[in-house]
Amino acid sequence: MPTKNVYVSDADLPLFEKAAELAGALSTAVAAGLRLYVAQCERETRKMAMQTIEVEVNDGPVVSVKRFVGRKILRYEERSGLRTTTFRVYLTAKNQYAIYQRNDPDWGTLSNTEGTGPGWEDAETWQGDWRHSKERSLQVFPNLDSMKGHMPSELIAALTQTQQQPAVEELDI
């Protein structure tokens, strides 16, 4: 049977002794611990994995599809009157920020069950153009500083906050 030597610090020695006692043998405890460690790392890798992202953008009257590799890190909404602008922020494979911006009707204005919401009273909601998506765009920024003046300051602040938190928070609950 192959032999592997593992250095154990004096501080960790009680942990190894307790693990060997619980598992019946130190090698059994080490193997079980390594299995758990590898499984956790693989889970985190899958969660952090980049995916192929496709978005539709308006280029004048033409709608085209843009495709890139990244992972979504934030969704942010701004409401203005009867419209909602949604920003989906992706971290790209080249470590840049791709921001997909979409302007849609704010259907919540019509959701009042009594039929008295502001959307029902505004003639704009009954015109054909209101219920369609308007701007759909994709902008790429190398860093947060380059977004200033192009993106809402609240969005930049939220992205700054996401950088200060772990991408995945493991809860022991």
C-alpha atoms as a PDB file:
ATOM      1  CA  MET A   1       0.000   0.000   0.000  1.00  0.00           C
ATOM      2  CA  PRO A   2       1.432   3.461  -0.910  1.00  0.00           C
ATOM      3  CA  THR A   3       2.605   5.717   1.888  1.00  0.00           C
ATOM      4  CA  LYS A   4       2.135   9.501   1.921  1.00  0.00           C
ATOM      5  CA  ASN A   5       3.749  11.698   4.540  1.00  0.00           C
ATOM      6  CA  VAL A   6       1.839  14.726   5.778  1.00  0.00           C
ATOM      7  CA  TYR A   7       3.383  17.429   7.950  1.00  0.00           C
ATOM      8  CA  VAL A   8       1.192  18.194  10.996  1.00  0.00           C
ATOM      9  CA  SER A   9       1.928  21.267  13.095  1.00  0.00           C
ATOM     10  CA  ASP A  10       1.939  20.963  16.860  1.00  0.00           C
ATOM     11  CA  ALA A  11      -1.151  23.191  17.008  1.00  0.00           C
ATOM     12  CA  ASP A  12      -3.094  20.814  14.707  1.00  0.00           C
ATOM     13  CA  LEU A  13      -2.005  17.599  16.399  1.00  0.00           C
ATOM     14  CA  PRO A  14      -5.057  17.407  18.746  1.00  0.00           C
ATOM     15  CA  LEU A  15      -7.346  17.779  15.695  1.00  0.00           C
ATOM     16  CA  PHE A  16      -5.628  14.891  13.902  1.00  0.00           C
ATOM     17  CA  GLU A  17      -5.736  12.708  17.007  1.00  0.00           C
ATOM     18  CA  LYS A  18      -9.458  13.387  17.512  1.00  0.00           C
ATOM     19  CA  ALA A  19     -10.163  12.702  13.797  1.00  0.00           C
ATOM     20  CA  ALA A  20      -8.246   9.405  13.957  1.00  0.00           C
ATOM     21  CA  GLU A  21     -10.178   8.414  17.068  1.00  0.00           C
ATOM     22  CA  LEU A  22     -13.553   9.213  15.491  1.00  0.00           C
ATOM     23  CA  ALA A  23     -12.782   7.584  12.132  1.00  0.00           C
ATOM     24  CA  GLY A  24     -10.974   4.548  13.512  1.00  0.00           C
ATOM     25  CA  ALA A  25      -7.767   5.400  11.623  1.00  0.00           C
ATOM     26  CA  LEU A  26      -5.992   8.581  10.615  1.00  0.00           C
ATOM     27  CA  SER A  27      -5.928   7.621   6.916  1.00  0.00           C
ATOM     28  CA  THR A  28      -9.722   7.157   6.948  1.00  0.00           C
ATOM     29  CA  ALA A  29     -10.204  10.581   8.529  1.00  0.00           C
ATOM     30  CA  VAL A  30      -7.799  12.267   6.097  1.00  0.00           C
ATOM     31  CA  ALA A  31      -9.463  10.669   3.070  1.00  0.00           C
ATOM     32  CA  ALA A  32     -12.935  11.709   4.293  1.00  0.00           C
ATOM     33  CA  GLY A  33     -11.719  15.244   4.912  1.00  0.00           C
ATOM     34  CA  LEU A  34     -10.135  15.460   1.470  1.00  0.00           C
ATOM     35  CA  ARG A  35     -13.346  14.204  -0.157  1.00  0.00           C
ATOM     36  CA  LEU A  36     -15.303  16.970   1.578  1.00  0.00           C
ATOM     37  CA  TYR A  37     -12.712  19.586   0.633  1.00  0.00           C
ATOM     38  CA  VAL A  38     -12.650  18.568  -3.041  1.00  0.00           C
ATOM     39  CA  ALA A  39     -16.478  18.491  -3.218  1.00  0.00           C
ATOM     40  CA  GLN A  40     -16.694  21.992  -1.715  1.00  0.00           C
ATOM     41  CA  CYS A  41     -14.101  23.370  -4.144  1.00  0.00           C
ATOM     42  CA  GLU A  42     -15.911  21.813  -7.103  1.00  0.00           C
ATOM     43  CA  ARG A  43     -19.237  23.322  -5.943  1.00  0.00           C
ATOM     44  CA  GLU A  44     -17.664  26.767  -5.686  1.00  0.00           C
ATOM     45  CA  THR A  45     -16.035  26.368  -9.086  1.00  0.00           C
ATOM     46  CA  ARG A  46     -19.387  25.480 -10.670  1.00  0.00           C
ATOM     47  CA  LYS A  47     -21.065  28.494  -9.039  1.00  0.00           C
ATOM     48  CA  MET A  48     -18.298  30.790 -10.223  1.00  0.00           C
ATOM     49  CA  ALA A  49     -18.129  29.251 -13.698  1.00  0.00           C
ATOM     50  CA  MET A  50     -18.384  31.466 -16.705  1.00  0.00           C
ATOM     51  CA  GLN A  51     -21.257  30.819 -19.089  1.00  0.00           C
ATOM     52  CA  THR A  52     -22.127  31.880 -22.601  1.00  0.00           C
ATOM     53  CA  ILE A  53     -24.385  34.923 -22.345  1.00  0.00           C
ATOM     54  CA  GLU A  54     -26.605  36.096 -25.210  1.00  0.00           C
ATOM     55  CA  VAL A  55     -28.447  39.429 -25.213  1.00  0.00           C
ATOM     56  CA  GLU A  56     -30.539  41.230 -27.808  1.00  0.00           C
ATOM     57  CA  VAL A  57     -29.533  44.832 -28.511  1.00  0.00           C
ATOM     58  CA  ASN A  58     -31.041  47.569 -30.641  1.00  0.00           C
ATOM     59  CA  ASP A  59     -28.835  49.016 -33.355  1.00  0.00           C
ATOM     60  CA  GLY A  60     -31.263  51.587 -34.716  1.00  0.00           C
ATOM     61  CA  PRO A  61     -34.210  49.671 -36.190  1.00  0.00           C
ATOM     62  CA  VAL A  62     -32.226  46.426 -36.289  1.00  0.00           C
ATOM     63  CA  VAL A  63     -32.177  44.004 -33.360  1.00  0.00           C
ATOM     64  CA  SER A  64     -29.001  41.942 -33.121  1.00  0.00           C
ATOM     65  CA  VAL A  65     -27.730  39.282 -30.743  1.00  0.00           C
ATOM     66  CA  LYS A  66     -24.483  39.801 -28.863  1.00  0.00           C
ATOM     67  CA  ARG A  67     -22.750  36.779 -27.337  1.00  0.00           C
ATOM     68  CA  PHE A  68     -19.912  36.695 -24.799  1.00  0.00           C
ATOM     69  CA  VAL A  69     -18.562  34.596 -21.945  1.00  0.00           C
ATOM     70  CA  GLY A  70     -19.197  35.815 -18.414  1.00  0.00           C
ATOM     71  CA  ARG A  71     -21.169  35.448 -15.221  1.00  0.00           C
ATOM     72  CA  LYS A  72     -23.923  37.657 -13.850  1.00  0.00           C
ATOM     73  CA  ILE A  73     -22.937  39.556 -10.732  1.00  0.00           C
ATOM     74  CA  LEU A  74     -25.717  42.118 -10.299  1.00  0.00           C
ATOM     75  CA  ARG A  75     -29.224  43.107 -11.384  1.00  0.00           C
ATOM     76  CA  TYR A  76     -30.294  46.699 -10.752  1.00  0.00           C
ATOM     77  CA  GLU A  77     -33.547  48.520 -11.637  1.00  0.00           C
ATOM     78  CA  GLU A  78     -34.482  52.180 -11.986  1.00  0.00           C
ATOM     79  CA  ARG A  79     -38.113  53.230 -12.291  1.00  0.00           C
ATOM     80  CA  SER A  80     -39.107  56.450 -13.995  1.00  0.00           C
ATOM     81  CA  GLY A  81     -42.772  57.217 -14.599  1.00  0.00           C
ATOM     82  CA  LEU A  82     -44.277  54.360 -16.543  1.00  0.00           C
ATOM     83  CA  ARG A  83     -40.934  52.788 -17.550  1.00  0.00           C
ATOM     84  CA  THR A  84     -38.315  50.599 -15.870  1.00  0.00           C
ATOM     85  CA  THR A  85     -34.677  50.425 -16.878  1.00  0.00           C
ATOM     86  CA  THR A  86     -33.011  47.163 -15.881  1.00  0.00           C
ATOM     87  CA  PHE A  87     -29.242  46.824 -15.739  1.00  0.00           C
ATOM     88  CA  ARG A  88     -27.727  43.338 -15.732  1.00  0.00           C
ATOM     89  CA  VAL A  89     -24.028  43.423 -14.943  1.00  0.00           C
ATOM     90  CA  TYR A  90     -21.757  40.580 -15.989  1.00  0.00           C
ATOM     91  CA  LEU A  91     -18.091  39.977 -15.231  1.00  0.00           C
ATOM     92  CA  THR A  92     -16.540  38.838 -18.505  1.00  0.00           C
ATOM     93  CA  ALA A  93     -13.891  36.197 -19.097  1.00  0.00           C
ATOM     94  CA  LYS A  94     -11.395  39.037 -19.649  1.00  0.00           C
ATOM     95  CA  ASN A  95     -12.330  40.547 -16.257  1.00  0.00           C
ATOM     96  CA  GLN A  96     -14.281  43.481 -17.682  1.00  0.00           C
ATOM     97  CA  TYR A  97     -17.805  44.634 -16.852  1.00  0.00           C
ATOM     98  CA  ALA A  98     -20.459  44.042 -19.506  1.00  0.00           C
ATOM     99  CA  ILE A  99     -23.644  45.958 -18.711  1.00  0.00           C
ATOM    100  CA  TYR A 100     -26.829  45.017 -20.514  1.00  0.00           C
ATOM    101  CA  GLN A 101     -29.362  47.810 -20.235  1.00  0.00           C
ATOM    102  CA  ARG A 102     -33.021  47.332 -21.133  1.00  0.00           C
ATOM    103  CA  ASN A 103     -35.893  49.835 -20.984  1.00  0.00           C
ATOM    104  CA  ASP A 104     -39.337  48.236 -20.600  1.00  0.00           C
ATOM    105  CA  PRO A 105     -42.826  49.219 -19.491  1.00  0.00           C
ATOM    106  CA  ASP A 106     -43.302  49.230 -15.721  1.00  0.00           C
ATOM    107  CA  TRP A 107     -46.159  46.752 -15.629  1.00  0.00           C
ATOM    108  CA  GLY A 108     -46.490  47.328 -11.895  1.00  0.00           C
ATOM    109  CA  THR A 109     -48.191  50.641 -12.635  1.00  0.00           C
ATOM    110  CA  LEU A 110     -51.109  48.707 -14.104  1.00  0.00           C
ATOM    111  CA  SER A 111     -51.253  46.047 -11.397  1.00  0.00           C
ATOM    112  CA  ASN A 112     -53.597  47.927  -9.090  1.00  0.00           C
ATOM    113  CA  THR A 113     -56.564  45.544  -8.662  1.00  0.00           C
ATOM    114  CA  GLU A 114     -59.055  48.417  -8.338  1.00  0.00           C
ATOM    115  CA  GLY A 115     -58.062  49.747 -11.754  1.00  0.00           C
ATOM    116  CA  THR A 116     -57.122  53.101 -10.252  1.00  0.00           C
ATOM    117  CA  GLY A 117     -53.329  52.932 -10.626  1.00  0.00           C
ATOM    118  CA  PRO A 118     -51.577  55.783 -12.456  1.00  0.00           C
ATOM    119  CA  GLY A 119     -51.075  53.606 -15.528  1.00  0.00           C
ATOM    120  CA  TRP A 120     -54.811  53.281 -16.091  1.00  0.00           C
ATOM    121  CA  GLU A 121     -55.328  57.033 -16.083  1.00  0.00           C
ATOM    122  CA  ASP A 122     -52.361  57.948 -18.298  1.00  0.00           C
ATOM    123  CA  ALA A 123     -53.252  57.998 -21.997  1.00  0.00           C
ATOM    124  CA  GLU A 124     -49.630  57.099 -22.829  1.00  0.00           C
ATOM    125  CA  THR A 125     -50.221  53.544 -21.596  1.00  0.00           C
ATOM    126  CA  TRP A 126     -52.871  52.977 -24.241  1.00  0.00           C
ATOM    127  CA  GLN A 127     -50.643  53.973 -27.144  1.00  0.00           C
ATOM    128  CA  GLY A 128     -48.992  51.059 -28.943  1.00  0.00           C
ATOM    129  CA  ASP A 129     -45.422  52.238 -28.372  1.00  0.00           C
ATOM    130  CA  TRP A 130     -45.600  52.263 -24.560  1.00  0.00           C
ATOM    131  CA  ARG A 131     -45.924  48.518 -24.126  1.00  0.00           C
ATOM    132  CA  HIS A 132     -42.840  47.694 -26.208  1.00  0.00           C
ATOM    133  CA  SER A 133     -39.242  47.523 -25.096  1.00  0.00           C
ATOM    134  CA  LYS A 134     -37.310  50.581 -26.114  1.00  0.00           C
ATOM    135  CA  GLU A 135     -33.556  50.791 -25.635  1.00  0.00           C
ATOM    136  CA  ARG A 136     -31.615  47.541 -25.322  1.00  0.00           C
ATOM    137  CA  SER A 137     -27.863  48.039 -25.247  1.00  0.00           C
ATOM    138  CA  LEU A 138     -24.626  46.412 -24.165  1.00  0.00           C
ATOM    139  CA  GLN A 139     -21.712  48.477 -22.903  1.00  0.00           C
ATOM    140  CA  VAL A 140     -18.344  47.148 -21.770  1.00  0.00           C
ATOM    141  CA  PHE A 141     -16.158  48.868 -19.177  1.00  0.00           C
ATOM    142  CA  PRO A 142     -12.651  47.852 -18.103  1.00  0.00           C
ATOM    143  CA  ASN A 143     -13.227  48.964 -14.485  1.00  0.00           C
ATOM    144  CA  LEU A 144     -15.640  50.755 -12.156  1.00  0.00           C
ATOM    145  CA  ASP A 145     -13.994  54.171 -12.601  1.00  0.00           C
ATOM    146  CA  SER A 146     -14.639  54.112 -16.344  1.00  0.00           C
ATOM    147  CA  MET A 147     -18.408  53.782 -15.673  1.00  0.00           C
ATOM    148  CA  LYS A 148     -18.636  57.201 -13.999  1.00  0.00           C
ATOM    149  CA  GLY A 149     -20.757  59.535 -16.087  1.00  0.00           C
ATOM    150  CA  HIS A 150     -22.121  56.629 -18.152  1.00  0.00           C
ATOM    151  CA  MET A 151     -23.965  54.584 -15.527  1.00  0.00           C
ATOM    152  CA  PRO A 152     -26.099  55.592 -12.522  1.00  0.00           C
ATOM    153  CA  SER A 153     -24.028  56.293  -9.409  1.00  0.00           C
ATOM    154  CA  GLU A 154     -26.267  53.917  -7.402  1.00  0.00           C
ATOM    155  CA  LEU A 155     -25.361  51.096  -9.784  1.00  0.00           C
ATOM    156  CA  ILE A 156     -21.647  51.830  -9.403  1.00  0.00           C
ATOM    157  CA  ALA A 157     -22.046  51.932  -5.610  1.00  0.00           C
ATOM    158  CA  ALA A 158     -23.827  48.547  -5.664  1.00  0.00           C
ATOM    159  CA  LEU A 159     -21.033  47.065  -7.793  1.00  0.00           C
ATOM    160  CA  THR A 160     -18.451  48.441  -5.381  1.00  0.00           C
ATOM    161  CA  GLN A 161     -20.329  46.751  -2.544  1.00  0.00           C
ATOM    162  CA  THR A 162     -20.387  43.406  -4.382  1.00  0.00           C
ATOM    163  CA  GLN A 163     -16.593  43.512  -4.655  1.00  0.00           C
ATOM    164  CA  GLN A 164     -16.343  43.743  -0.878  1.00  0.00           C
ATOM    165  CA  GLN A 165     -18.411  40.579  -0.347  1.00  0.00           C
ATOM    166  CA  PRO A 166     -17.602  36.978  -1.222  1.00  0.00           C
ATOM    167  CA  ALA A 167     -19.167  35.758  -4.467  1.00  0.00           C
ATOM    168  CA  VAL A 168     -20.665  32.814  -2.573  1.00  0.00           C
ATOM    169  CA  GLU A 169     -21.475  32.905   1.118  1.00  0.00           C
ATOM    170  CA  GLU A 170     -21.532  29.497   2.768  1.00  0.00           C
ATOM    171  CA  LEU A 171     -24.160  29.341   5.519  1.00  0.00           C
ATOM    172  CA  ASP A 172     -23.981  26.754   8.271  1.00  0.00           C
ATOM    173  CA  ILE A 173     -27.683  26.757   9.101  1.00  0.00           C
END
